[in-house]
Amino acid sequence: MKNEWPLYEVFIRSKNGLEHRHVGSLHASDAEMAIENARDVYTRRQEGVSIWVVPSSEITASNPENFGELFEPAEDKVYRHPTFYDLPHELKHI
């Protein structure tokens, strides 16, 4: 539909120091309106300290069908996994 407002994805940070999490989507005429609408819809009980809105059309995602070619090459890099290393016995809390 030509007269439909763009779709925005909404991300909320619940507390300082935490990451933003995707909470939903909404339509708005512009980013400012999207933030105001996101505040009204997704933080009614003061759940957040920060809001990000991103036009859905600007998000590029990997295709789950391409999982193998995208993620399997990392499986043969055992040095990326902390279980590969032997730790000294003095390190008890790692």
PDB file of N, CA and C in Angstrom:
ATOM      1  N   MET A   1       0.839  -1.182   0.000  1.00  0.00           N
ATOM      2  CA  MET A   1       0.000   0.000   0.000  1.00  0.00           C
ATOM      3  C   MET A   1       0.883   1.244   0.000  1.00  0.00           C
ATOM      4  N   LYS A   2       0.606   2.142  -0.892  1.00  0.00           N
ATOM      5  CA  LYS A   2       1.445   3.329  -1.032  1.00  0.00           C
ATOM      6  C   LYS A   2       1.281   4.314   0.117  1.00  0.00           C
ATOM      7  N   ASN A   3       0.123   4.372   0.735  1.00  0.00           N
ATOM      8  CA  ASN A   3      -0.124   5.350   1.786  1.00  0.00           C
ATOM      9  C   ASN A   3       0.182   4.817   3.186  1.00  0.00           C
ATOM     10  N   GLU A   4       0.739   3.628   3.277  1.00  0.00           N
ATOM     11  CA  GLU A   4       1.039   3.053   4.584  1.00  0.00           C
ATOM     12  C   GLU A   4       2.361   3.605   5.112  1.00  0.00           C
ATOM     13  N   TRP A   5       2.395   3.940   6.396  1.00  0.00           N
ATOM     14  CA  TRP A   5       3.621   4.434   7.020  1.00  0.00           C
ATOM     15  C   TRP A   5       4.655   3.319   7.062  1.00  0.00           C
ATOM     16  N   PRO A   6       5.936   3.686   7.089  1.00  0.00           N
ATOM     17  CA  PRO A   6       6.978   2.662   7.142  1.00  0.00           C
ATOM     18  C   PRO A   6       6.951   1.889   8.462  1.00  0.00           C
ATOM     19  N   LEU A   7       7.439   0.660   8.394  1.00  0.00           N
ATOM     20  CA  LEU A   7       7.506  -0.211   9.559  1.00  0.00           C
ATOM     21  C   LEU A   7       8.843  -0.010  10.250  1.00  0.00           C
ATOM     22  N   TYR A   8       8.827   0.123  11.570  1.00  0.00           N
ATOM     23  CA  TYR A   8      10.031   0.285  12.387  1.00  0.00           C
ATOM     24  C   TYR A   8      10.140  -0.893  13.343  1.00  0.00           C
ATOM     25  N   GLU A   9      11.360  -1.362  13.552  1.00  0.00           N
ATOM     26  CA  GLU A   9      11.647  -2.369  14.569  1.00  0.00           C
ATOM     27  C   GLU A   9      12.065  -1.623  15.831  1.00  0.00           C
ATOM     28  N   VAL A  10      11.585  -2.073  16.975  1.00  0.00           N
ATOM     29  CA  VAL A  10      11.797  -1.377  18.243  1.00  0.00           C
ATOM     30  C   VAL A  10      12.684  -2.224  19.158  1.00  0.00           C
ATOM     31  N   PHE A  11      13.705  -1.565  19.722  1.00  0.00           N
ATOM     32  CA  PHE A  11      14.632  -2.198  20.654  1.00  0.00           C
ATOM     33  C   PHE A  11      14.639  -1.375  21.942  1.00  0.00           C
ATOM     34  N   ILE A  12      14.538  -2.051  23.078  1.00  0.00           N
ATOM     35  CA  ILE A  12      14.484  -1.389  24.380  1.00  0.00           C
ATOM     36  C   ILE A  12      15.645  -1.888  25.245  1.00  0.00           C
ATOM     37  N   ARG A  13      16.295  -0.962  25.934  1.00  0.00           N
ATOM     38  CA  ARG A  13      17.278  -1.327  26.970  1.00  0.00           C
ATOM     39  C   ARG A  13      16.564  -1.187  28.291  1.00  0.00           C
ATOM     40  N   SER A  14      16.462  -2.282  29.029  1.00  0.00           N
ATOM     41  CA  SER A  14      15.688  -2.265  30.275  1.00  0.00           C
ATOM     42  C   SER A  14      16.429  -1.583  31.424  1.00  0.00           C
ATOM     43  N   LYS A  15      17.770  -1.717  31.452  1.00  0.00           N
ATOM     44  CA  LYS A  15      18.574  -1.091  32.505  1.00  0.00           C
ATOM     45  C   LYS A  15      19.899  -0.656  31.902  1.00  0.00           C
ATOM     46  N   ASN A  16      20.509   0.362  32.500  1.00  0.00           N
ATOM     47  CA  ASN A  16      21.837   0.770  32.054  1.00  0.00           C
ATOM     48  C   ASN A  16      22.803  -0.399  32.193  1.00  0.00           C
ATOM     49  N   GLY A  17      23.663  -0.552  31.206  1.00  0.00           N
ATOM     50  CA  GLY A  17      24.634  -1.632  31.224  1.00  0.00           C
ATOM     51  C   GLY A  17      24.164  -2.887  30.526  1.00  0.00           C
ATOM     52  N   LEU A  18      22.884  -3.003  30.242  1.00  0.00           N
ATOM     53  CA  LEU A  18      22.360  -4.162  29.520  1.00  0.00           C
ATOM     54  C   LEU A  18      22.243  -3.839  28.042  1.00  0.00           C
ATOM     55  N   GLU A  19      22.069  -4.872  27.237  1.00  0.00           N
ATOM     56  CA  GLU A  19      21.929  -4.671  25.797  1.00  0.00           C
ATOM     57  C   GLU A  19      20.483  -4.313  25.452  1.00  0.00           C
ATOM     58  N   HIS A  20      20.319  -3.706  24.282  1.00  0.00           N
ATOM     59  CA  HIS A  20      18.983  -3.450  23.765  1.00  0.00           C
ATOM     60  C   HIS A  20      18.418  -4.776  23.253  1.00  0.00           C
ATOM     61  N   ARG A  21      17.132  -4.997  23.465  1.00  0.00           N
ATOM     62  CA  ARG A  21      16.464  -6.216  22.985  1.00  0.00           C
ATOM     63  C   ARG A  21      15.297  -5.833  22.090  1.00  0.00           C
ATOM     64  N   HIS A  22      15.108  -6.631  21.059  1.00  0.00           N
ATOM     65  CA  HIS A  22      13.984  -6.400  20.157  1.00  0.00           C
ATOM     66  C   HIS A  22      12.693  -6.724  20.894  1.00  0.00           C
ATOM     67  N   VAL A  23      11.750  -5.774  20.874  1.00  0.00           N
ATOM     68  CA  VAL A  23      10.490  -5.978  21.580  1.00  0.00           C
ATOM     69  C   VAL A  23       9.289  -5.991  20.659  1.00  0.00           C
ATOM     70  N   GLY A  24       9.463  -5.544  19.411  1.00  0.00           N
ATOM     71  CA  GLY A  24       8.341  -5.549  18.500  1.00  0.00           C
ATOM     72  C   GLY A  24       8.521  -4.590  17.346  1.00  0.00           C
ATOM     73  N   SER A  25       7.437  -4.364  16.638  1.00  0.00           N
ATOM     74  CA  SER A  25       7.434  -3.506  15.452  1.00  0.00           C
ATOM     75  C   SER A  25       6.245  -2.569  15.519  1.00  0.00           C
ATOM     76  N   LEU A  26       6.357  -1.460  14.825  1.00  0.00           N
ATOM     77  CA  LEU A  26       5.231  -0.536  14.703  1.00  0.00           C
ATOM     78  C   LEU A  26       5.399   0.332  13.460  1.00  0.00           C
ATOM     79  N   HIS A  27       4.299   0.893  13.008  1.00  0.00           N
ATOM     80  CA  HIS A  27       4.309   1.813  11.868  1.00  0.00           C
ATOM     81  C   HIS A  27       4.327   3.243  12.392  1.00  0.00           C
ATOM     82  N   ALA A  28       5.087   4.104  11.727  1.00  0.00           N
ATOM     83  CA  ALA A  28       5.136   5.523  12.096  1.00  0.00           C
ATOM     84  C   ALA A  28       5.538   6.330  10.872  1.00  0.00           C
ATOM     85  N   SER A  29       5.205   7.615  10.899  1.00  0.00           N
ATOM     86  CA  SER A  29       5.527   8.472   9.755  1.00  0.00           C
ATOM     87  C   SER A  29       7.014   8.786   9.667  1.00  0.00           C
ATOM     88  N   ASP A  30       7.708   8.822  10.845  1.00  0.00           N
ATOM     89  CA  ASP A  30       9.147   9.088  10.850  1.00  0.00           C
ATOM     90  C   ASP A  30       9.743   8.509  12.138  1.00  0.00           C
ATOM     91  N   ALA A  31      11.060   8.595  12.272  1.00  0.00           N
ATOM     92  CA  ALA A  31      11.753   7.998  13.420  1.00  0.00           C
ATOM     93  C   ALA A  31      11.323   8.631  14.745  1.00  0.00           C
ATOM     94  N   GLU A  32      11.128   9.947  14.755  1.00  0.00           N
ATOM     95  CA  GLU A  32      10.712  10.616  15.993  1.00  0.00           C
ATOM     96  C   GLU A  32       9.365  10.101  16.472  1.00  0.00           C
ATOM     97  N   MET A  33       8.424   9.969  15.545  1.00  0.00           N
ATOM     98  CA  MET A  33       7.105   9.443  15.892  1.00  0.00           C
ATOM     99  C   MET A  33       7.225   7.980  16.324  1.00  0.00           C
ATOM    100  N   ALA A  34       8.121   7.227  15.708  1.00  0.00           N
ATOM    101  CA  ALA A  34       8.326   5.822  16.075  1.00  0.00           C
ATOM    102  C   ALA A  34       8.816   5.714  17.514  1.00  0.00           C
ATOM    103  N   ILE A  35       9.738   6.583  17.920  1.00  0.00           N
ATOM    104  CA  ILE A  35      10.229   6.567  19.302  1.00  0.00           C
ATOM    105  C   ILE A  35       9.103   6.909  20.277  1.00  0.00           C
ATOM    106  N   GLU A  36       8.307   7.924  19.952  1.00  0.00           N
ATOM    107  CA  GLU A  36       7.200   8.303  20.832  1.00  0.00           C
ATOM    108  C   GLU A  36       6.172   7.182  20.943  1.00  0.00           C
ATOM    109  N   ASN A  37       5.853   6.565  19.811  1.00  0.00           N
ATOM    110  CA  ASN A  37       4.886   5.463  19.833  1.00  0.00           C
ATOM    111  C   ASN A  37       5.457   4.254  20.570  1.00  0.00           C
ATOM    112  N   ALA A  38       6.748   3.981  20.375  1.00  0.00           N
ATOM    113  CA  ALA A  38       7.391   2.857  21.066  1.00  0.00           C
ATOM    114  C   ALA A  38       7.366   3.072  22.569  1.00  0.00           C
ATOM    115  N   ARG A  39       7.622   4.313  22.992  1.00  0.00           N
ATOM    116  CA  ARG A  39       7.549   4.628  24.428  1.00  0.00           C
ATOM    117  C   ARG A  39       6.157   4.325  24.960  1.00  0.00           C
ATOM    118  N   ASP A  40       5.131   4.746  24.231  1.00  0.00           N
ATOM    119  CA  ASP A  40       3.760   4.554  24.684  1.00  0.00           C
ATOM    120  C   ASP A  40       3.342   3.083  24.680  1.00  0.00           C
ATOM    121  N   VAL A  41       3.806   2.333  23.689  1.00  0.00           N
ATOM    122  CA  VAL A  41       3.375   0.943  23.541  1.00  0.00           C
ATOM    123  C   VAL A  41       4.215  -0.025  24.366  1.00  0.00           C
ATOM    124  N   TYR A  42       5.536   0.162  24.373  1.00  0.00           N
ATOM    125  CA  TYR A  42       6.432  -0.841  24.935  1.00  0.00           C
ATOM    126  C   TYR A  42       7.033  -0.485  26.297  1.00  0.00           C
ATOM    127  N   THR A  43       6.817   0.731  26.780  1.00  0.00           N
ATOM    128  CA  THR A  43       7.388   1.080  28.094  1.00  0.00           C
ATOM    129  C   THR A  43       6.332   1.723  28.993  1.00  0.00           C
ATOM    130  N   ARG A  44       5.140   1.202  28.959  1.00  0.00           N
ATOM    131  CA  ARG A  44       4.048   1.765  29.755  1.00  0.00           C
ATOM    132  C   ARG A  44       4.303   1.689  31.250  1.00  0.00           C
ATOM    133  N   ARG A  45       5.055   0.681  31.663  1.00  0.00           N
ATOM    134  CA  ARG A  45       5.322   0.500  33.097  1.00  0.00           C
ATOM    135  C   ARG A  45       6.763   0.861  33.423  1.00  0.00           C
ATOM    136  N   GLN A  46       7.315   1.778  32.671  1.00  0.00           N
ATOM    137  CA  GLN A  46       8.691   2.268  32.864  1.00  0.00           C
ATOM    138  C   GLN A  46       9.712   1.128  32.806  1.00  0.00           C
ATOM    139  N   GLU A  47       9.548   0.229  31.790  1.00  0.00           N
ATOM    140  CA  GLU A  47      10.446  -0.906  31.655  1.00  0.00           C
ATOM    141  C   GLU A  47      11.793  -0.549  31.048  1.00  0.00           C
ATOM    142  N   GLY A  48      11.918   0.622  30.445  1.00  0.00           N
ATOM    143  CA  GLY A  48      13.143   0.899  29.719  1.00  0.00           C
ATOM    144  C   GLY A  48      13.836   2.181  30.102  1.00  0.00           C
ATOM    145  N   VAL A  49      15.121   2.243  29.734  1.00  0.00           N
ATOM    146  CA  VAL A  49      15.897   3.472  29.920  1.00  0.00           C
ATOM    147  C   VAL A  49      16.369   4.026  28.584  1.00  0.00           C
ATOM    148  N   SER A  50      16.208   3.246  27.497  1.00  0.00           N
ATOM    149  CA  SER A  50      16.647   3.682  26.180  1.00  0.00           C
ATOM    150  C   SER A  50      15.829   2.959  25.113  1.00  0.00           C
ATOM    151  N   ILE A  51      15.515   3.670  24.048  1.00  0.00           N
ATOM    152  CA  ILE A  51      14.745   3.102  22.932  1.00  0.00           C
ATOM    153  C   ILE A  51      15.521   3.326  21.644  1.00  0.00           C
ATOM    154  N   TRP A  52      15.629   2.281  20.843  1.00  0.00           N
ATOM    155  CA  TRP A  52      16.142   2.399  19.477  1.00  0.00           C
ATOM    156  C   TRP A  52      15.013   2.024  18.541  1.00  0.00           C
ATOM    157  N   VAL A  53      14.874   2.764  17.454  1.00  0.00           N
ATOM    158  CA  VAL A  53      13.962   2.374  16.378  1.00  0.00           C
ATOM    159  C   VAL A  53      14.768   2.334  15.082  1.00  0.00           C
ATOM    160  N   VAL A  54      14.507   1.321  14.281  1.00  0.00           N
ATOM    161  CA  VAL A  54      15.226   1.126  13.029  1.00  0.00           C
ATOM    162  C   VAL A  54      14.204   0.814  11.945  1.00  0.00           C
ATOM    163  N   PRO A  55      14.266   1.527  10.815  1.00  0.00           N
ATOM    164  CA  PRO A  55      13.345   1.168   9.726  1.00  0.00           C
ATOM    165  C   PRO A  55      13.586  -0.292   9.318  1.00  0.00           C
ATOM    166  N   SER A  56      12.532  -1.069   9.255  1.00  0.00           N
ATOM    167  CA  SER A  56      12.654  -2.481   8.890  1.00  0.00           C
ATOM    168  C   SER A  56      13.328  -2.652   7.541  1.00  0.00           C
ATOM    169  N   SER A  57      13.110  -1.711   6.653  1.00  0.00           N
ATOM    170  CA  SER A  57      13.696  -1.803   5.315  1.00  0.00           C
ATOM    171  C   SER A  57      15.214  -1.671   5.334  1.00  0.00           C
ATOM    172  N   GLU A  58      15.784  -1.178   6.439  1.00  0.00           N
ATOM    173  CA  GLU A  58      17.233  -0.997   6.552  1.00  0.00           C
ATOM    174  C   GLU A  58      17.938  -2.185   7.216  1.00  0.00           C
ATOM    175  N   ILE A  59      17.187  -3.182   7.629  1.00  0.00           N
ATOM    176  CA  ILE A  59      17.780  -4.344   8.284  1.00  0.00           C
ATOM    177  C   ILE A  59      18.085  -5.409   7.243  1.00  0.00           C
ATOM    178  N   THR A  60      19.305  -5.912   7.296  1.00  0.00           N
ATOM    179  CA  THR A  60      19.717  -7.016   6.437  1.00  0.00           C
ATOM    180  C   THR A  60      19.984  -8.204   7.337  1.00  0.00           C
ATOM    181  N   ALA A  61      19.384  -9.330   7.019  1.00  0.00           N
ATOM    182  CA  ALA A  61      19.521 -10.515   7.863  1.00  0.00           C
ATOM    183  C   ALA A  61      20.030 -11.694   7.047  1.00  0.00           C
ATOM    184  N   SER A  62      20.693 -12.608   7.726  1.00  0.00           N
ATOM    185  CA  SER A  62      21.125 -13.831   7.058  1.00  0.00           C
ATOM    186  C   SER A  62      19.919 -14.743   6.856  1.00  0.00           C
ATOM    187  N   ASN A  63      20.035 -15.626   5.894  1.00  0.00           N
ATOM    188  CA  ASN A  63      18.974 -16.579   5.600  1.00  0.00           C
ATOM    189  C   ASN A  63      19.232 -17.844   6.409  1.00  0.00           C
ATOM    190  N   PRO A  64      18.273 -18.299   7.223  1.00  0.00           N
ATOM    191  CA  PRO A  64      18.492 -19.506   8.021  1.00  0.00           C
ATOM    192  C   PRO A  64      18.843 -20.726   7.168  1.00  0.00           C
ATOM    193  N   GLU A  65      18.412 -20.744   5.921  1.00  0.00           N
ATOM    194  CA  GLU A  65      18.734 -21.865   5.040  1.00  0.00           C
ATOM    195  C   GLU A  65      20.232 -21.914   4.710  1.00  0.00           C
ATOM    196  N   ASN A  66      20.935 -20.786   4.865  1.00  0.00           N
ATOM    197  CA  ASN A  66      22.367 -20.731   4.581  1.00  0.00           C
ATOM    198  C   ASN A  66      23.200 -20.912   5.841  1.00  0.00           C
ATOM    199  N   PHE A  67      22.625 -21.510   6.862  1.00  0.00           N
ATOM    200  CA  PHE A  67      23.314 -21.680   8.135  1.00  0.00           C
ATOM    201  C   PHE A  67      24.673 -22.342   7.956  1.00  0.00           C
ATOM    202  N   GLY A  68      24.709 -23.416   7.213  1.00  0.00           N
ATOM    203  CA  GLY A  68      25.939 -24.181   7.052  1.00  0.00           C
ATOM    204  C   GLY A  68      27.081 -23.367   6.490  1.00  0.00           C
ATOM    205  N   GLU A  69      26.870 -22.753   5.380  1.00  0.00           N
ATOM    206  CA  GLU A  69      27.959 -22.004   4.747  1.00  0.00           C
ATOM    207  C   GLU A  69      28.348 -20.754   5.513  1.00  0.00           C
ATOM    208  N   LEU A  70      27.438 -20.231   6.322  1.00  0.00           N
ATOM    209  CA  LEU A  70      27.739 -19.014   7.068  1.00  0.00           C
ATOM    210  C   LEU A  70      28.430 -19.302   8.411  1.00  0.00           C
ATOM    211  N   PHE A  71      27.987 -20.363   9.119  1.00  0.00           N
ATOM    212  CA  PHE A  71      28.469 -20.590  10.475  1.00  0.00           C
ATOM    213  C   PHE A  71      29.402 -21.791  10.633  1.00  0.00           C
ATOM    214  N   GLU A  72      29.322 -22.775   9.774  1.00  0.00           N
ATOM    215  CA  GLU A  72      30.157 -23.966   9.927  1.00  0.00           C
ATOM    216  C   GLU A  72      31.660 -23.689   9.842  1.00  0.00           C
ATOM    217  N   PRO A  73      32.137 -22.760   9.048  1.00  0.00           N
ATOM    218  CA  PRO A  73      33.589 -22.529   9.018  1.00  0.00           C
ATOM    219  C   PRO A  73      34.184 -22.214  10.386  1.00  0.00           C
ATOM    220  N   ALA A  74      33.410 -21.704  11.313  1.00  0.00           N
ATOM    221  CA  ALA A  74      33.924 -21.382  12.645  1.00  0.00           C
ATOM    222  C   ALA A  74      34.089 -22.627  13.515  1.00  0.00           C
ATOM    223  N   GLU A  75      33.433 -23.726  13.153  1.00  0.00           N
ATOM    224  CA  GLU A  75      33.498 -24.934  13.971  1.00  0.00           C
ATOM    225  C   GLU A  75      34.901 -25.536  14.021  1.00  0.00           C
ATOM    226  N   ASP A  76      35.705 -25.332  12.988  1.00  0.00           N
ATOM    227  CA  ASP A  76      37.041 -25.930  12.979  1.00  0.00           C
ATOM    228  C   ASP A  76      38.090 -25.028  13.640  1.00  0.00           C
ATOM    229  N   LYS A  77      37.671 -23.956  14.249  1.00  0.00           N
ATOM    230  CA  LYS A  77      38.593 -23.038  14.924  1.00  0.00           C
ATOM    231  C   LYS A  77      38.475 -23.261  16.430  1.00  0.00           C
ATOM    232  N   VAL A  78      39.044 -24.375  16.891  1.00  0.00           N
ATOM    233  CA  VAL A  78      38.890 -24.749  18.301  1.00  0.00           C
ATOM    234  C   VAL A  78      39.501 -23.730  19.247  1.00  0.00           C
ATOM    235  N   TYR A  79      40.468 -22.974  18.750  1.00  0.00           N
ATOM    236  CA  TYR A  79      41.107 -21.976  19.614  1.00  0.00           C
ATOM    237  C   TYR A  79      40.142 -20.871  20.038  1.00  0.00           C
ATOM    238  N   ARG A  80      38.991 -20.780  19.415  1.00  0.00           N
ATOM    239  CA  ARG A  80      38.005 -19.767  19.800  1.00  0.00           C
ATOM    240  C   ARG A  80      37.175 -20.205  21.000  1.00  0.00           C
ATOM    241  N   HIS A  81      37.299 -21.458  21.391  1.00  0.00           N
ATOM    242  CA  HIS A  81      36.529 -21.985  22.508  1.00  0.00           C
ATOM    243  C   HIS A  81      37.420 -22.070  23.740  1.00  0.00           C
ATOM    244  N   PRO A  82      36.994 -21.531  24.865  1.00  0.00           N
ATOM    245  CA  PRO A  82      37.854 -21.519  26.054  1.00  0.00           C
ATOM    246  C   PRO A  82      38.182 -22.908  26.579  1.00  0.00           C
ATOM    247  N   THR A  83      37.424 -23.922  26.179  1.00  0.00           N
ATOM    248  CA  THR A  83      37.700 -25.276  26.666  1.00  0.00           C
ATOM    249  C   THR A  83      38.964 -25.852  26.038  1.00  0.00           C
ATOM    250  N   PHE A  84      39.504 -25.208  25.055  1.00  0.00           N
ATOM    251  CA  PHE A  84      40.701 -25.676  24.357  1.00  0.00           C
ATOM    252  C   PHE A  84      41.951 -25.494  25.202  1.00  0.00           C
ATOM    253  N   TYR A  85      41.940 -24.519  26.089  1.00  0.00           N
ATOM    254  CA  TYR A  85      43.133 -24.161  26.849  1.00  0.00           C
ATOM    255  C   TYR A  85      43.172 -24.864  28.205  1.00  0.00           C
ATOM    256  N   ASP A  86      44.379 -25.265  28.603  1.00  0.00           N
ATOM    257  CA  ASP A  86      44.577 -25.785  29.954  1.00  0.00           C
ATOM    258  C   ASP A  86      44.897 -24.613  30.875  1.00  0.00           C
ATOM    259  N   LEU A  87      44.151 -24.518  31.966  1.00  0.00           N
ATOM    260  CA  LEU A  87      44.356 -23.431  32.918  1.00  0.00           C
ATOM    261  C   LEU A  87      45.165 -23.939  34.111  1.00  0.00           C
ATOM    262  N   PRO A  88      46.000 -23.082  34.679  1.00  0.00           N
ATOM    263  CA  PRO A  88      46.731 -23.473  35.886  1.00  0.00           C
ATOM    264  C   PRO A  88      45.781 -23.796  37.026  1.00  0.00           C
ATOM    265  N   HIS A  89      46.190 -24.687  37.902  1.00  0.00           N
ATOM    266  CA  HIS A  89      45.343 -25.095  39.033  1.00  0.00           C
ATOM    267  C   HIS A  89      45.066 -23.947  39.987  1.00  0.00           C
ATOM    268  N   GLU A  90      45.934 -22.929  39.983  1.00  0.00           N
ATOM    269  CA  GLU A  90      45.744 -21.781  40.886  1.00  0.00           C
ATOM    270  C   GLU A  90      44.492 -20.976  40.523  1.00  0.00           C
ATOM    271  N   LEU A  91      44.056 -21.074  39.286  1.00  0.00           N
ATOM    272  CA  LEU A  91      42.874 -20.336  38.838  1.00  0.00           C
ATOM    273  C   LEU A  91      41.644 -21.192  39.118  1.00  0.00           C
ATOM    274  N   LYS A  92      40.997 -20.935  40.230  1.00  0.00           N
ATOM    275  CA  LYS A  92      39.868 -21.773  40.664  1.00  0.00           C
ATOM    276  C   LYS A  92      38.503 -21.229  40.267  1.00  0.00           C
ATOM    277  N   HIS A  93      38.391 -19.956  39.983  1.00  0.00           N
ATOM    278  CA  HIS A  93      37.074 -19.347  39.760  1.00  0.00           C
ATOM    279  C   HIS A  93      36.870 -18.893  38.323  1.00  0.00           C
ATOM    280  N   ILE A  94      37.526 -19.551  37.392  1.00  0.00           N
ATOM    281  CA  ILE A  94      37.337 -19.175  35.987  1.00  0.00           C
ATOM    282  C   ILE A  94      36.625 -20.285  35.264  1.00  0.00           C
TER     283      ILE A  94
END
